[in-house]
N, C-alpha and C. Protein backbone atom coordinates (compact mmCIF):
# COMPACT_ATOMS: atom_id res chain seq x y z
N UNK A 1 -5.67 -17.25 19.93
CA UNK A 1 -5.74 -16.20 20.21
C UNK A 1 -4.76 -16.20 19.57
N UNK A 2 -3.26 -16.40 20.56
CA UNK A 2 -1.98 -16.22 19.19
C UNK A 2 -1.78 -16.98 18.17
N UNK A 3 -2.24 -17.86 17.73
CA UNK A 3 -2.32 -18.72 16.04
C UNK A 3 -2.82 -17.72 15.74
N UNK A 4 -3.90 -17.26 15.79
CA UNK A 4 -4.53 -15.81 14.80
C UNK A 4 -4.11 -14.44 14.77
N UNK A 5 -3.09 -14.22 15.75
CA UNK A 5 -2.27 -13.19 16.03
C UNK A 5 -1.24 -13.35 14.93
N UNK A 6 -0.30 -14.06 14.72
CA UNK A 6 0.52 -14.83 14.11
C UNK A 6 -0.19 -14.79 12.56
N UNK A 7 -1.08 -15.30 12.31
CA UNK A 7 -1.40 -15.78 10.86
C UNK A 7 -1.80 -14.23 10.15
N UNK A 8 -2.09 -13.24 11.25
CA UNK A 8 -2.89 -12.63 10.75
C UNK A 8 -1.31 -11.28 10.24
N UNK A 9 -0.32 -11.33 11.06
CA UNK A 9 1.07 -10.63 11.00
C UNK A 9 1.59 -11.02 9.87
N UNK A 10 1.35 -12.77 9.12
CA UNK A 10 1.36 -13.12 8.14
C UNK A 10 1.18 -12.49 6.48
N UNK A 11 -0.26 -12.86 7.00
CA UNK A 11 -1.28 -11.81 6.23
C UNK A 11 -0.56 -10.32 5.73
N UNK A 12 -0.52 -9.77 7.11
CA UNK A 12 -0.12 -8.73 6.29
C UNK A 12 1.44 -8.30 5.78
N UNK A 13 2.78 -8.92 6.36
CA UNK A 13 3.73 -9.24 6.17
C UNK A 13 3.89 -9.28 4.66
N UNK A 14 2.98 -10.15 4.57
CA UNK A 14 2.69 -11.23 2.96
C UNK A 14 2.15 -9.77 1.72
N UNK A 15 1.55 -9.00 2.37
CA UNK A 15 0.52 -8.20 1.15
C UNK A 15 2.13 -6.93 1.33
N UNK A 16 2.05 -6.62 2.39
CA UNK A 16 3.20 -5.17 1.91
C UNK A 16 4.45 -5.71 1.01
N UNK A 17 4.94 -6.73 1.07
CA UNK A 17 6.11 -7.57 0.24
C UNK A 17 5.14 -7.22 -1.01
N UNK A 18 4.41 -7.77 -1.41
CA UNK A 18 3.50 -7.77 -3.09
C UNK A 18 3.89 -6.37 -3.24
N UNK A 19 3.06 -5.61 -2.32
CA UNK A 19 3.04 -3.74 -2.86
C UNK A 19 4.05 -3.76 -2.98
N UNK A 20 5.27 -4.24 -2.41
CA UNK A 20 6.75 -3.48 -2.65
C UNK A 20 6.89 -3.76 -4.38
N UNK A 21 6.73 -4.84 -4.62
CA UNK A 21 7.67 -5.66 -5.52
C UNK A 21 7.15 -5.66 -7.06
N UNK A 22 6.16 -4.61 -7.34
CA UNK A 22 4.87 -4.53 -8.13
C UNK A 22 5.81 -4.61 -9.27
N UNK A 23 5.10 -4.64 -10.16
CA UNK A 23 6.81 -4.92 -11.62
C UNK A 23 5.80 -4.45 -12.78
N UNK A 24 6.58 -3.23 -13.26
CA UNK A 24 6.26 -2.63 -14.56
C UNK A 24 6.07 -4.00 -15.20
N UNK A 25 4.95 -3.13 -16.66
CA UNK A 25 4.91 -4.93 -17.82
C UNK A 25 4.07 -3.34 -19.01
N UNK A 26 5.45 -3.74 -20.31
CA UNK A 26 4.58 -2.98 -20.71
C UNK A 26 3.51 -4.46 -22.22
N UNK A 27 2.71 -3.78 -22.47
CA UNK A 27 1.76 -4.56 -23.25
C UNK A 27 1.76 -3.96 -24.53
N UNK A 28 2.04 -3.16 -25.08
CA UNK A 28 1.52 -2.95 -26.52
C UNK A 28 2.60 -1.44 -27.00
N UNK A 29 2.25 -1.05 -28.22
CA UNK A 29 2.82 0.61 -28.51
C UNK A 29 2.32 0.49 -29.85
N UNK A 30 2.07 2.09 -29.99
CA UNK A 30 0.66 2.90 -30.81
C UNK A 30 2.25 4.04 -31.13
N UNK A 31 2.22 4.16 -32.30
CA UNK A 31 2.01 2.95 -33.72
C UNK A 31 3.80 2.16 -33.05
N UNK A 32 3.37 1.22 -34.09
CA UNK A 32 4.52 0.48 -33.96
C UNK A 32 5.96 0.52 -34.81
N UNK A 33 5.33 1.53 -36.00
CA UNK A 33 6.82 1.94 -36.53
C UNK A 33 6.77 3.78 -36.50
N UNK A 34 8.29 3.77 -36.81
CA UNK A 34 8.65 5.18 -36.20
C UNK A 34 9.50 6.01 -37.24
N UNK A 35 10.22 6.95 -36.71
CA UNK A 35 11.30 7.08 -36.74
C UNK A 35 11.67 8.20 -35.98
N UNK A 36 12.78 8.65 -36.16
CA UNK A 36 13.12 9.51 -34.55
C UNK A 36 12.93 10.65 -34.44
N UNK A 37 12.79 10.92 -33.45
CA UNK A 37 12.15 12.41 -33.32
C UNK A 37 10.26 12.09 -33.20
N UNK A 38 9.89 11.04 -33.52
CA UNK A 38 8.30 10.72 -33.03
C UNK A 38 8.02 10.39 -31.76
N UNK A 39 6.53 10.71 -31.67
CA UNK A 39 6.57 10.24 -30.21
C UNK A 39 5.61 9.18 -29.99
N UNK A 40 6.21 8.17 -29.84
CA UNK A 40 5.57 6.33 -29.22
C UNK A 40 4.75 6.40 -28.21
N UNK A 41 3.14 5.91 -28.01
CA UNK A 41 2.82 5.70 -26.69
C UNK A 41 3.06 4.58 -26.12
N UNK A 42 3.14 3.87 -25.12
CA UNK A 42 3.76 2.51 -24.76
C UNK A 42 2.36 2.16 -23.93
N UNK A 43 1.52 1.53 -23.60
CA UNK A 43 0.69 0.96 -22.75
C UNK A 43 0.91 -0.29 -22.12
N UNK A 44 0.72 -0.21 -20.86
CA UNK A 44 1.30 -1.02 -19.54
C UNK A 44 -0.08 -1.15 -18.45
N UNK A 45 0.94 -1.58 -17.42
CA UNK A 45 0.19 -1.02 -16.53
C UNK A 45 1.96 -1.40 -15.61
N UNK A 46 1.40 -0.08 -14.30
CA UNK A 46 2.54 -0.41 -12.62
C UNK A 46 3.23 0.61 -13.87
N UNK A 47 3.47 1.43 -14.56
CA UNK A 47 3.70 2.31 -15.48
C UNK A 47 4.79 3.93 -15.04
N UNK A 48 3.77 3.78 -13.55
CA UNK A 48 4.39 5.69 -12.86
C UNK A 48 6.38 5.21 -12.27
N UNK A 49 6.46 6.55 -12.09
CA UNK A 49 7.73 7.00 -11.87
C UNK A 49 8.01 6.23 -10.52
N UNK A 50 7.12 6.00 -9.70
CA UNK A 50 7.49 5.07 -8.80
C UNK A 50 7.97 3.77 -8.90
N UNK A 51 7.48 3.47 -10.27
CA UNK A 51 8.24 1.84 -11.01
C UNK A 51 8.96 1.58 -11.84
N UNK A 52 9.01 3.20 -12.86
CA UNK A 52 10.12 3.09 -13.89
C UNK A 52 11.19 4.22 -14.13
N UNK A 53 11.91 4.11 -13.79
CA UNK A 53 13.39 5.19 -13.36
C UNK A 53 13.25 5.93 -15.16
N UNK A 54 14.08 5.12 -15.62
CA UNK A 54 14.34 5.62 -17.28
C UNK A 54 13.37 4.26 -18.61
N UNK A 55 13.48 4.98 -19.29
CA UNK A 55 12.84 3.99 -20.74
C UNK A 55 13.72 3.93 -21.88
N UNK A 56 14.27 2.81 -22.75
CA UNK A 56 15.07 2.58 -23.99
C UNK A 56 14.46 1.52 -24.58
N UNK A 57 15.01 2.00 -25.90
CA UNK A 57 15.19 1.42 -26.78
C UNK A 57 16.07 0.89 -26.82
N UNK A 58 16.18 -0.74 -27.30
CA UNK A 58 17.43 -1.18 -27.20
C UNK A 58 17.61 -2.35 -28.77
N UNK A 59 18.55 -2.87 -29.24
CA UNK A 59 18.76 -3.64 -30.09
C UNK A 59 19.83 -5.04 -29.68
N UNK A 60 19.57 -5.17 -28.27
CA UNK A 60 20.63 -5.97 -27.70
C UNK A 60 22.05 -5.14 -27.52
N UNK A 61 22.43 -4.62 -28.22
CA UNK A 61 24.21 -4.72 -28.43
C UNK A 61 23.63 -2.70 -27.88
N UNK A 62 22.80 -2.10 -28.58
CA UNK A 62 23.03 -0.66 -28.10
C UNK A 62 21.40 -0.24 -27.17
N UNK A 63 21.62 0.40 -26.29
CA UNK A 63 20.27 0.60 -25.45
C UNK A 63 20.59 2.11 -25.07
N UNK A 64 19.56 3.10 -26.48
CA UNK A 64 19.32 4.33 -26.65
C UNK A 64 18.35 4.11 -24.87
N UNK A 65 18.71 5.96 -24.86
CA UNK A 65 17.67 5.95 -23.63
C UNK A 65 16.75 7.08 -24.37
N UNK A 66 15.35 7.39 -24.05
CA UNK A 66 14.42 7.84 -24.60
C UNK A 66 14.02 8.13 -23.81
N UNK A 67 13.63 10.18 -23.89
CA UNK A 67 12.79 10.94 -23.54
C UNK A 67 10.81 10.74 -22.99
N UNK A 68 11.18 10.67 -21.76
CA UNK A 68 9.83 10.52 -21.82
C UNK A 68 9.29 11.90 -21.55
N UNK A 69 7.78 12.38 -22.51
CA UNK A 69 7.08 13.55 -22.21
C UNK A 69 6.12 13.07 -21.58
N UNK A 70 5.53 12.09 -21.15
CA UNK A 70 3.92 11.67 -20.67
C UNK A 70 4.44 10.20 -19.54
N UNK A 71 3.69 10.41 -17.79
CA UNK A 71 3.96 9.20 -17.53
C UNK A 71 3.34 8.81 -16.82
N UNK A 72 2.10 7.87 -16.94
CA UNK A 72 1.33 7.50 -15.47
C UNK A 72 1.27 6.08 -15.53
N UNK A 73 0.21 5.46 -15.03
CA UNK A 73 0.75 4.13 -14.18
C UNK A 73 0.09 3.18 -15.85
N UNK A 74 -0.46 3.24 -16.45
CA UNK A 74 -1.14 2.90 -18.07
C UNK A 74 -0.52 3.00 -19.14
N UNK A 75 0.23 4.69 -19.12
CA UNK A 75 0.43 5.00 -20.78
C UNK A 75 2.25 5.77 -20.29
N UNK A 76 3.04 5.78 -21.29
CA UNK A 76 4.36 6.32 -20.77
C UNK A 76 4.52 6.77 -22.87
N UNK A 77 4.78 7.88 -22.95
CA UNK A 77 4.93 8.63 -24.37
C UNK A 77 5.92 8.96 -24.31
N UNK A 78 7.25 8.21 -25.05
CA UNK A 78 8.33 8.62 -25.75
C UNK A 78 8.79 9.04 -26.67
N UNK A 79 9.66 9.65 -27.45
CA UNK A 79 10.45 10.47 -28.31
C UNK A 79 11.67 9.02 -28.56
N UNK A 80 11.31 9.08 -29.81
CA UNK A 80 12.67 8.20 -30.33
C UNK A 80 13.49 8.70 -30.12
N UNK A 81 14.81 8.39 -29.48
CA UNK A 81 16.36 8.52 -30.03
C UNK A 81 16.52 9.03 -31.51
N UNK A 82 17.80 9.71 -32.14
CA UNK A 82 18.10 10.01 -33.22
C UNK A 82 18.87 8.65 -33.53
N UNK A 83 19.72 8.24 -33.02
CA UNK A 83 20.23 7.54 -33.78
C UNK A 83 19.16 5.52 -33.40
N UNK A 84 18.32 5.94 -33.20
CA UNK A 84 17.61 4.68 -32.99
C UNK A 84 17.22 4.35 -34.83
N UNK A 85 17.39 2.46 -34.75
CA UNK A 85 16.38 2.14 -36.41
C UNK A 85 16.96 0.79 -36.22
N UNK A 86 15.59 0.14 -37.37
CA UNK A 86 15.67 -1.38 -36.97
C UNK A 86 14.43 -1.47 -36.19
N UNK A 87 14.56 -2.95 -36.50
CA UNK A 87 13.07 -3.74 -34.87
C UNK A 87 14.51 -3.48 -33.28
N UNK A 88 14.06 -2.84 -32.81
CA UNK A 88 13.67 -2.90 -31.81
C UNK A 88 13.55 -2.57 -30.00
N UNK A 89 13.99 -3.72 -29.04
CA UNK A 89 12.42 -3.84 -28.16
C UNK A 89 12.72 -2.48 -26.59
N UNK A 90 11.80 -2.24 -26.21
CA UNK A 90 11.35 -1.61 -25.43
C UNK A 90 12.50 -2.11 -23.98
N UNK A 91 12.55 -1.37 -23.11
CA UNK A 91 13.99 -2.11 -21.93
C UNK A 91 12.80 -0.60 -20.80
N UNK A 92 13.31 -1.03 -20.09
CA UNK A 92 12.84 0.28 -18.88
C UNK A 92 14.06 -0.39 -17.74
N UNK A 93 14.67 0.83 -17.05
CA UNK A 93 15.35 0.68 -15.73
C UNK A 93 14.13 1.14 -14.42
N UNK A 94 14.56 0.20 -13.89
CA UNK A 94 13.54 0.02 -12.68
C UNK A 94 13.83 1.10 -11.55
N UNK A 95 12.61 2.01 -10.54
CA UNK A 95 12.90 2.64 -9.58
C UNK A 95 13.41 2.20 -8.55
N UNK A 96 13.61 1.33 -8.44
CA UNK A 96 13.65 0.55 -6.98
C UNK A 96 14.78 0.79 -6.22
N UNK A 97 14.88 0.04 -5.22
CA UNK A 97 16.38 0.75 -4.14
C UNK A 97 17.71 -0.06 -4.82
N UNK A 98 17.11 -1.17 -5.60
CA UNK A 98 18.60 -1.63 -6.71
C UNK A 98 18.02 -1.59 -7.88
N UNK A 99 18.40 -0.74 -8.30
CA UNK A 99 17.65 -0.88 -10.10
C UNK A 99 18.39 -1.69 -11.40
N UNK A 100 16.65 -2.52 -11.73
CA UNK A 100 17.36 -3.34 -12.63
C UNK A 100 16.66 -3.26 -14.07
N UNK A 101 17.52 -3.67 -15.32
CA UNK A 101 17.09 -3.22 -16.23
C UNK A 101 16.36 -4.84 -17.05
N UNK A 102 14.94 -4.32 -17.35
CA UNK A 102 14.32 -5.39 -17.70
C UNK A 102 13.99 -4.92 -19.44
N UNK A 103 14.13 -5.95 -20.21
CA UNK A 103 13.43 -5.69 -21.46
C UNK A 103 12.19 -6.51 -21.35
N UNK A 104 11.51 -5.54 -21.98
CA UNK A 104 10.08 -5.70 -22.62
C UNK A 104 9.58 -6.28 -23.31
N UNK A 105 8.42 -7.14 -23.36
CA UNK A 105 8.21 -7.86 -24.78
C UNK A 105 7.55 -7.05 -25.95
N UNK A 106 7.65 -5.75 -26.02
CA UNK A 106 7.35 -5.00 -26.67
C UNK A 106 7.82 -4.73 -27.89
N UNK A 107 7.94 -4.27 -28.98
CA UNK A 107 9.20 -4.73 -30.29
C UNK A 107 8.17 -2.98 -30.98
N UNK A 108 9.06 -2.34 -31.58
CA UNK A 108 9.01 -1.20 -32.54
C UNK A 108 10.20 -1.39 -33.59
N UNK A 109 9.34 -1.14 -35.01
CA UNK A 109 10.13 -0.70 -35.95
C UNK A 109 10.63 0.55 -36.16
N UNK A 110 11.76 1.15 -36.36
CA UNK A 110 12.36 2.53 -36.51
C UNK A 110 13.07 2.76 -37.70
N UNK A 111 12.35 3.50 -38.91
CA UNK A 111 13.01 3.84 -40.02
C UNK A 111 14.67 4.17 -39.83
N UNK A 112 15.61 3.79 -40.72
CA UNK A 112 16.92 4.09 -40.22
C UNK A 112 16.94 5.88 -40.98
N UNK A 113 17.63 6.98 -40.19
CA UNK A 113 17.86 8.13 -41.18
C UNK A 113 18.49 7.92 -42.02
N UNK A 114 18.09 9.09 -42.95
CA UNK A 114 18.30 9.22 -43.95
C UNK A 114 19.27 10.67 -44.50
């Protein structure tokens, strides 16, 4: 009996730990090209406010905060910031107790302002 109780507790603890460490992941962006002010849709998983606090476009040197217009578990709709240009990656700030910046494997090309 004791061994089965220990195993059950370990399984429950493992499930609880997994549930708390759900990582947001972006998989695609539509459209793949845009300009400042455009709204782009980012698809992925675990993109809720519980997992994603903020969204940025980054070129590796400059991180530009994006306005989030819509946020669900599978889609984020963001506004391209005014100073964005060139090929940029999407980056998130997680909503964990200890937030982390995580660059995503999704890129978008932004036309330079004229």
